[in-house]
């Protein structure tokens, strides 16, 4: 059930992003659904590949946090910032990959991918909050 909600939320988010961001062009609603399915599958695979590296980075941040001056700075925000940067980057990379794979979807530049990646994260939070999921 969670996977269906994710695909639905991403479909809506892609459609909204196509209306908000110039250079992010989706042919129609069906394309947004296909994009959401492809994005979900690619993100699942990407997460499986990136998770071990994220665990290693988290362990290194935990070890570095023992240092008296750096420790308080990394205590809560270090892991959160690392997770955000990895997720944001992975999303942008997946959007670029989908752009190359699909004919009905087009992004004009990498900066459009970065803006869209940020908007996708924001819209996911807003839509999921509205749905209570």
N, C-alpha and C. Protein backbone atom coordinates (compact mmCIF):
# COMPACT_ATOMS: atom_id res chain seq x y z
N UNK A 1 0.82 -1.19 0.00
CA UNK A 1 0.00 0.00 0.00
C UNK A 1 0.87 1.26 0.00
N UNK A 2 1.96 1.21 0.74
CA UNK A 2 2.86 2.36 0.81
C UNK A 2 3.46 2.69 -0.55
N UNK A 3 3.76 1.65 -1.33
CA UNK A 3 4.33 1.87 -2.66
C UNK A 3 3.33 2.58 -3.57
N UNK A 4 2.05 2.22 -3.47
CA UNK A 4 1.02 2.87 -4.28
C UNK A 4 0.86 4.34 -3.89
N UNK A 5 0.93 4.62 -2.60
CA UNK A 5 0.84 6.01 -2.14
C UNK A 5 2.03 6.80 -2.66
N UNK A 6 3.21 6.20 -2.60
CA UNK A 6 4.42 6.87 -3.08
C UNK A 6 4.31 7.18 -4.57
N UNK A 7 3.85 6.22 -5.36
CA UNK A 7 3.70 6.45 -6.80
C UNK A 7 2.65 7.54 -7.04
N UNK A 8 1.55 7.50 -6.31
CA UNK A 8 0.52 8.52 -6.47
C UNK A 8 1.01 9.91 -6.10
N UNK A 9 1.72 10.01 -4.99
CA UNK A 9 2.26 11.30 -4.55
C UNK A 9 3.29 11.81 -5.56
N UNK A 10 4.15 10.93 -6.04
CA UNK A 10 5.15 11.36 -7.03
C UNK A 10 4.51 11.76 -8.35
N UNK A 11 3.44 11.07 -8.75
CA UNK A 11 2.73 11.45 -9.98
C UNK A 11 2.19 12.87 -9.86
N UNK A 12 1.53 13.14 -8.75
CA UNK A 12 1.00 14.49 -8.53
C UNK A 12 2.12 15.52 -8.45
N UNK A 13 3.19 15.16 -7.75
CA UNK A 13 4.33 16.09 -7.61
C UNK A 13 4.97 16.38 -8.97
N UNK A 14 5.16 15.37 -9.81
CA UNK A 14 5.75 15.60 -11.12
C UNK A 14 4.85 16.49 -11.97
N UNK A 15 3.56 16.27 -11.88
CA UNK A 15 2.63 17.09 -12.65
C UNK A 15 2.68 18.55 -12.19
N UNK A 16 2.71 18.76 -10.88
CA UNK A 16 2.79 20.13 -10.33
C UNK A 16 4.12 20.78 -10.72
N UNK A 17 5.21 20.03 -10.62
CA UNK A 17 6.52 20.57 -10.98
C UNK A 17 6.55 20.97 -12.46
N UNK A 18 5.90 20.17 -13.31
CA UNK A 18 5.88 20.51 -14.74
C UNK A 18 5.16 21.82 -15.00
N UNK A 19 4.23 22.19 -14.12
CA UNK A 19 3.51 23.45 -14.27
C UNK A 19 4.28 24.62 -13.65
N UNK A 20 5.14 24.33 -12.66
CA UNK A 20 5.84 25.40 -11.94
C UNK A 20 7.21 25.73 -12.52
N UNK A 21 7.93 24.73 -13.01
CA UNK A 21 9.32 24.91 -13.41
C UNK A 21 9.44 24.94 -14.93
N UNK A 22 9.86 26.09 -15.49
CA UNK A 22 10.08 26.11 -16.93
C UNK A 22 11.29 25.22 -17.28
N UNK A 23 11.16 24.44 -18.30
CA UNK A 23 12.24 23.53 -18.67
C UNK A 23 11.99 22.10 -18.21
N UNK A 24 10.95 21.89 -17.38
CA UNK A 24 10.55 20.56 -16.90
C UNK A 24 9.26 20.23 -17.63
N UNK A 25 9.38 19.50 -18.73
CA UNK A 25 8.23 19.30 -19.61
C UNK A 25 7.78 17.84 -19.60
N UNK A 26 6.50 17.66 -19.26
CA UNK A 26 5.87 16.34 -19.29
C UNK A 26 4.76 16.41 -20.33
N UNK A 27 4.69 15.41 -21.20
CA UNK A 27 3.71 15.42 -22.30
C UNK A 27 2.28 15.43 -21.77
N UNK A 28 1.96 14.52 -20.81
CA UNK A 28 0.61 14.44 -20.27
C UNK A 28 0.60 13.74 -18.91
N UNK A 29 -0.59 13.51 -18.37
CA UNK A 29 -0.71 12.89 -17.04
C UNK A 29 -0.21 11.44 -17.05
N UNK A 30 -0.43 10.75 -18.16
CA UNK A 30 0.05 9.37 -18.28
C UNK A 30 1.57 9.32 -18.18
N UNK A 31 2.22 10.29 -18.78
CA UNK A 31 3.68 10.37 -18.69
C UNK A 31 4.12 10.60 -17.25
N UNK A 32 3.37 11.42 -16.52
CA UNK A 32 3.70 11.66 -15.10
C UNK A 32 3.60 10.37 -14.30
N UNK A 33 2.59 9.54 -14.60
CA UNK A 33 2.44 8.26 -13.91
C UNK A 33 3.59 7.31 -14.26
N UNK A 34 3.93 7.23 -15.53
CA UNK A 34 5.05 6.37 -15.94
C UNK A 34 6.35 6.86 -15.31
N UNK A 35 6.51 8.18 -15.27
CA UNK A 35 7.70 8.76 -14.63
C UNK A 35 7.76 8.38 -13.15
N UNK A 36 6.62 8.46 -12.48
CA UNK A 36 6.58 8.13 -11.05
C UNK A 36 6.93 6.67 -10.82
N UNK A 37 6.44 5.78 -11.68
CA UNK A 37 6.78 4.36 -11.55
C UNK A 37 8.28 4.14 -11.77
N UNK A 38 8.82 4.74 -12.84
CA UNK A 38 10.25 4.60 -13.13
C UNK A 38 11.08 5.20 -12.01
N UNK A 39 10.66 6.37 -11.51
CA UNK A 39 11.39 7.04 -10.45
C UNK A 39 11.40 6.17 -9.19
N UNK A 40 10.26 5.58 -8.85
CA UNK A 40 10.18 4.74 -7.65
C UNK A 40 11.10 3.53 -7.75
N UNK A 41 11.11 2.89 -8.91
CA UNK A 41 11.98 1.72 -9.10
C UNK A 41 13.45 2.14 -9.04
N UNK A 42 13.81 3.21 -9.75
CA UNK A 42 15.21 3.66 -9.75
C UNK A 42 15.66 4.12 -8.36
N UNK A 43 14.78 4.81 -7.63
CA UNK A 43 15.15 5.25 -6.27
C UNK A 43 15.33 4.05 -5.34
N UNK A 44 14.51 3.02 -5.50
CA UNK A 44 14.66 1.81 -4.68
C UNK A 44 16.03 1.17 -4.94
N UNK A 45 16.38 1.03 -6.21
CA UNK A 45 17.67 0.45 -6.58
C UNK A 45 18.81 1.36 -6.11
N UNK A 46 18.67 2.66 -6.34
CA UNK A 46 19.69 3.61 -5.91
C UNK A 46 19.90 3.62 -4.41
N UNK A 47 18.81 3.52 -3.67
CA UNK A 47 18.90 3.50 -2.21
C UNK A 47 19.64 2.25 -1.74
N UNK A 48 19.36 1.11 -2.38
CA UNK A 48 20.07 -0.12 -2.02
C UNK A 48 21.57 0.02 -2.26
N UNK A 49 21.93 0.72 -3.31
CA UNK A 49 23.35 0.89 -3.64
C UNK A 49 24.03 1.93 -2.75
N UNK A 50 23.29 2.97 -2.34
CA UNK A 50 23.88 4.07 -1.58
C UNK A 50 23.84 3.82 -0.07
N UNK A 51 22.94 2.98 0.39
CA UNK A 51 22.77 2.75 1.83
C UNK A 51 24.07 2.34 2.54
N UNK A 52 24.86 1.43 1.99
CA UNK A 52 26.11 1.08 2.68
C UNK A 52 27.06 2.28 2.84
N UNK A 53 27.14 3.12 1.82
CA UNK A 53 28.00 4.31 1.91
C UNK A 53 27.46 5.27 2.97
N UNK A 54 26.15 5.40 3.05
CA UNK A 54 25.54 6.28 4.04
C UNK A 54 25.81 5.77 5.45
N UNK A 55 25.79 4.47 5.63
CA UNK A 55 26.09 3.89 6.94
C UNK A 55 27.55 4.17 7.32
N UNK A 56 28.46 4.04 6.37
CA UNK A 56 29.87 4.31 6.63
C UNK A 56 30.08 5.78 6.99
N UNK A 57 29.43 6.69 6.26
CA UNK A 57 29.54 8.12 6.56
C UNK A 57 28.99 8.41 7.94
N UNK A 58 27.87 7.78 8.31
CA UNK A 58 27.28 7.97 9.63
C UNK A 58 28.22 7.50 10.73
N UNK A 59 28.86 6.37 10.52
CA UNK A 59 29.82 5.86 11.51
C UNK A 59 31.00 6.83 11.64
N UNK A 60 31.52 7.31 10.51
CA UNK A 60 32.63 8.28 10.55
C UNK A 60 32.22 9.56 11.27
N UNK A 61 31.02 10.05 11.01
CA UNK A 61 30.55 11.25 11.71
C UNK A 61 30.41 10.99 13.20
N UNK A 62 29.99 9.80 13.56
CA UNK A 62 29.87 9.45 14.98
C UNK A 62 31.24 9.43 15.65
N UNK A 63 32.23 8.91 14.96
CA UNK A 63 33.59 8.87 15.51
C UNK A 63 34.16 10.29 15.63
N UNK A 64 33.94 11.10 14.58
CA UNK A 64 34.45 12.48 14.60
C UNK A 64 33.75 13.30 15.67
N UNK A 65 32.51 12.96 16.00
CA UNK A 65 31.77 13.75 16.97
C UNK A 65 32.34 13.64 18.39
N UNK A 66 33.27 12.73 18.59
CA UNK A 66 33.92 12.60 19.90
C UNK A 66 34.85 13.79 20.15
N UNK A 67 35.38 14.39 19.11
CA UNK A 67 36.28 15.54 19.24
C UNK A 67 35.52 16.68 19.91
N UNK A 68 36.08 17.27 20.97
CA UNK A 68 35.33 18.24 21.79
C UNK A 68 34.72 19.43 21.03
N UNK A 69 35.44 20.06 20.13
CA UNK A 69 34.91 21.26 19.47
C UNK A 69 33.94 20.88 18.36
N UNK A 70 34.25 19.83 17.61
CA UNK A 70 33.43 19.44 16.47
C UNK A 70 32.20 18.64 16.91
N UNK A 71 32.32 17.91 17.99
CA UNK A 71 31.24 17.05 18.47
C UNK A 71 29.89 17.71 18.57
N UNK A 72 29.79 18.84 19.30
CA UNK A 72 28.47 19.47 19.40
C UNK A 72 27.91 19.95 18.06
N UNK A 73 28.77 20.31 17.13
CA UNK A 73 28.29 20.75 15.82
C UNK A 73 27.69 19.61 15.02
N UNK A 74 28.26 18.40 15.16
CA UNK A 74 27.81 17.25 14.39
C UNK A 74 26.76 16.41 15.10
N UNK A 75 26.56 16.67 16.37
CA UNK A 75 25.73 15.78 17.18
C UNK A 75 24.38 15.47 16.55
N UNK A 76 23.62 16.48 16.19
CA UNK A 76 22.31 16.21 15.62
C UNK A 76 22.23 16.51 14.15
N UNK A 77 22.87 17.56 13.73
CA UNK A 77 22.68 18.02 12.36
C UNK A 77 23.56 17.30 11.35
N UNK A 78 24.66 16.75 11.74
CA UNK A 78 25.58 16.11 10.80
C UNK A 78 24.95 14.97 10.03
N UNK A 79 24.28 14.09 10.73
CA UNK A 79 23.65 12.94 10.09
C UNK A 79 22.46 13.40 9.26
N UNK A 80 21.70 14.36 9.76
CA UNK A 80 20.55 14.88 9.03
C UNK A 80 20.99 15.54 7.73
N UNK A 81 22.02 16.38 7.80
CA UNK A 81 22.52 17.07 6.61
C UNK A 81 23.08 16.07 5.60
N UNK A 82 23.81 15.08 6.08
CA UNK A 82 24.37 14.06 5.19
C UNK A 82 23.26 13.30 4.48
N UNK A 83 22.23 12.91 5.21
CA UNK A 83 21.11 12.19 4.62
C UNK A 83 20.40 13.05 3.58
N UNK A 84 20.20 14.34 3.89
CA UNK A 84 19.54 15.24 2.94
C UNK A 84 20.36 15.39 1.66
N UNK A 85 21.66 15.61 1.80
CA UNK A 85 22.52 15.81 0.63
C UNK A 85 22.54 14.56 -0.25
N UNK A 86 22.64 13.40 0.37
CA UNK A 86 22.66 12.16 -0.40
C UNK A 86 21.31 11.95 -1.10
N UNK A 87 20.21 12.15 -0.40
CA UNK A 87 18.89 11.98 -0.98
C UNK A 87 18.63 12.99 -2.10
N UNK A 88 18.99 14.24 -1.87
CA UNK A 88 18.82 15.29 -2.87
C UNK A 88 19.63 14.97 -4.13
N UNK A 89 20.88 14.57 -3.95
CA UNK A 89 21.75 14.24 -5.09
C UNK A 89 21.23 13.03 -5.85
N UNK A 90 20.81 12.02 -5.12
CA UNK A 90 20.28 10.80 -5.75
C UNK A 90 19.02 11.11 -6.55
N UNK A 91 18.16 11.96 -6.01
CA UNK A 91 16.95 12.34 -6.72
C UNK A 91 17.27 13.08 -8.01
N UNK A 92 18.22 14.02 -7.95
CA UNK A 92 18.61 14.77 -9.15
C UNK A 92 19.20 13.83 -10.20
N UNK A 93 20.02 12.89 -9.78
CA UNK A 93 20.62 11.93 -10.71
C UNK A 93 19.55 11.05 -11.35
N UNK A 94 18.58 10.62 -10.56
CA UNK A 94 17.50 9.78 -11.10
C UNK A 94 16.63 10.56 -12.09
N UNK A 95 16.37 11.84 -11.81
CA UNK A 95 15.61 12.65 -12.75
C UNK A 95 16.35 12.81 -14.08
N UNK A 96 17.66 12.99 -14.00
CA UNK A 96 18.46 13.09 -15.22
C UNK A 96 18.43 11.76 -15.99
N UNK A 97 18.49 10.65 -15.26
CA UNK A 97 18.44 9.33 -15.91
C UNK A 97 17.09 9.12 -16.59
N UNK A 98 16.01 9.50 -15.91
CA UNK A 98 14.67 9.35 -16.50
C UNK A 98 14.53 10.25 -17.72
N UNK A 99 15.13 11.43 -17.67
CA UNK A 99 15.11 12.33 -18.82
C UNK A 99 15.75 11.67 -20.04
N UNK A 100 16.83 10.94 -19.80
CA UNK A 100 17.52 10.28 -20.91
C UNK A 100 16.74 9.07 -21.43
N UNK A 101 15.98 8.41 -20.55
CA UNK A 101 15.27 7.19 -20.91
C UNK A 101 13.91 7.42 -21.57
N UNK A 102 13.23 8.51 -21.22
CA UNK A 102 11.87 8.73 -21.70
C UNK A 102 11.82 9.82 -22.75
N UNK A 103 11.07 9.56 -23.81
CA UNK A 103 10.92 10.55 -24.88
C UNK A 103 9.89 11.62 -24.53
N UNK A 104 8.88 11.26 -23.73
CA UNK A 104 7.79 12.19 -23.41
C UNK A 104 8.12 13.13 -22.24
N UNK A 105 9.33 13.03 -21.72
CA UNK A 105 9.76 13.87 -20.60
C UNK A 105 11.06 14.54 -20.99
N UNK A 106 11.15 15.84 -20.70
CA UNK A 106 12.34 16.58 -21.09
C UNK A 106 12.69 17.62 -20.02
N UNK A 107 13.97 17.66 -19.66
CA UNK A 107 14.50 18.71 -18.80
C UNK A 107 15.54 19.47 -19.60
N UNK A 108 15.50 20.79 -19.49
CA UNK A 108 16.38 21.59 -20.34
C UNK A 108 17.81 21.67 -19.83
N UNK A 109 18.04 21.47 -18.52
CA UNK A 109 19.40 21.59 -17.99
C UNK A 109 19.52 20.87 -16.65
N UNK A 110 20.74 20.79 -16.17
CA UNK A 110 21.00 20.19 -14.86
C UNK A 110 20.42 21.07 -13.75
N UNK A 111 20.45 22.38 -13.94
CA UNK A 111 19.87 23.26 -12.91
C UNK A 111 18.38 23.02 -12.75
N UNK A 112 17.70 22.68 -13.83
CA UNK A 112 16.28 22.33 -13.74
C UNK A 112 16.12 21.05 -12.92
N UNK A 113 17.03 20.09 -13.09
CA UNK A 113 17.00 18.86 -12.31
C UNK A 113 17.19 19.15 -10.82
N UNK A 114 18.10 20.07 -10.50
CA UNK A 114 18.35 20.41 -9.09
C UNK A 114 17.14 21.11 -8.47
N UNK A 115 16.57 22.06 -9.19
CA UNK A 115 15.38 22.76 -8.68
C UNK A 115 14.22 21.78 -8.53
N UNK A 116 14.05 20.92 -9.52
CA UNK A 116 12.97 19.92 -9.49
C UNK A 116 13.16 18.93 -8.35
N UNK A 117 14.40 18.55 -8.10
CA UNK A 117 14.70 17.64 -7.00
C UNK A 117 14.30 18.25 -5.66
N UNK A 118 14.62 19.52 -5.48
CA UNK A 118 14.25 20.22 -4.25
C UNK A 118 12.73 20.33 -4.14
N UNK A 119 12.07 20.73 -5.23
CA UNK A 119 10.61 20.85 -5.22
C UNK A 119 9.93 19.50 -4.99
N UNK A 120 10.49 18.44 -5.54
CA UNK A 120 9.94 17.11 -5.33
C UNK A 120 9.94 16.75 -3.84
N UNK A 121 11.04 17.06 -3.17
CA UNK A 121 11.12 16.79 -1.74
C UNK A 121 10.09 17.61 -0.97
N UNK A 122 9.98 18.89 -1.29
CA UNK A 122 9.03 19.77 -0.60
C UNK A 122 7.59 19.32 -0.86
N UNK A 123 7.26 19.04 -2.12
CA UNK A 123 5.91 18.60 -2.45
C UNK A 123 5.57 17.26 -1.82
N UNK A 124 6.54 16.35 -1.73
CA UNK A 124 6.30 15.07 -1.06
C UNK A 124 5.92 15.28 0.40
N UNK A 125 6.62 16.18 1.07
CA UNK A 125 6.32 16.45 2.47
C UNK A 125 4.93 17.08 2.61
N UNK A 126 4.62 18.05 1.76
CA UNK A 126 3.33 18.74 1.83
C UNK A 126 2.18 17.78 1.51
N UNK A 127 2.30 17.02 0.43
CA UNK A 127 1.21 16.11 0.02
C UNK A 127 1.02 15.01 1.04
N UNK A 128 2.13 14.42 1.51
CA UNK A 128 2.01 13.37 2.52
C UNK A 128 1.44 13.90 3.83
N UNK A 129 1.80 15.13 4.18
CA UNK A 129 1.23 15.75 5.38
C UNK A 129 -0.26 15.98 5.24
N UNK A 130 -0.69 16.41 4.05
CA UNK A 130 -2.10 16.64 3.77
C UNK A 130 -2.87 15.32 3.81
N UNK A 131 -2.27 14.26 3.27
CA UNK A 131 -2.92 12.94 3.26
C UNK A 131 -2.84 12.24 4.62
N UNK A 132 -1.94 12.70 5.48
CA UNK A 132 -1.75 12.07 6.78
C UNK A 132 -1.02 10.75 6.72
N UNK A 133 -0.15 10.61 5.71
CA UNK A 133 0.59 9.36 5.53
C UNK A 133 2.01 9.53 6.00
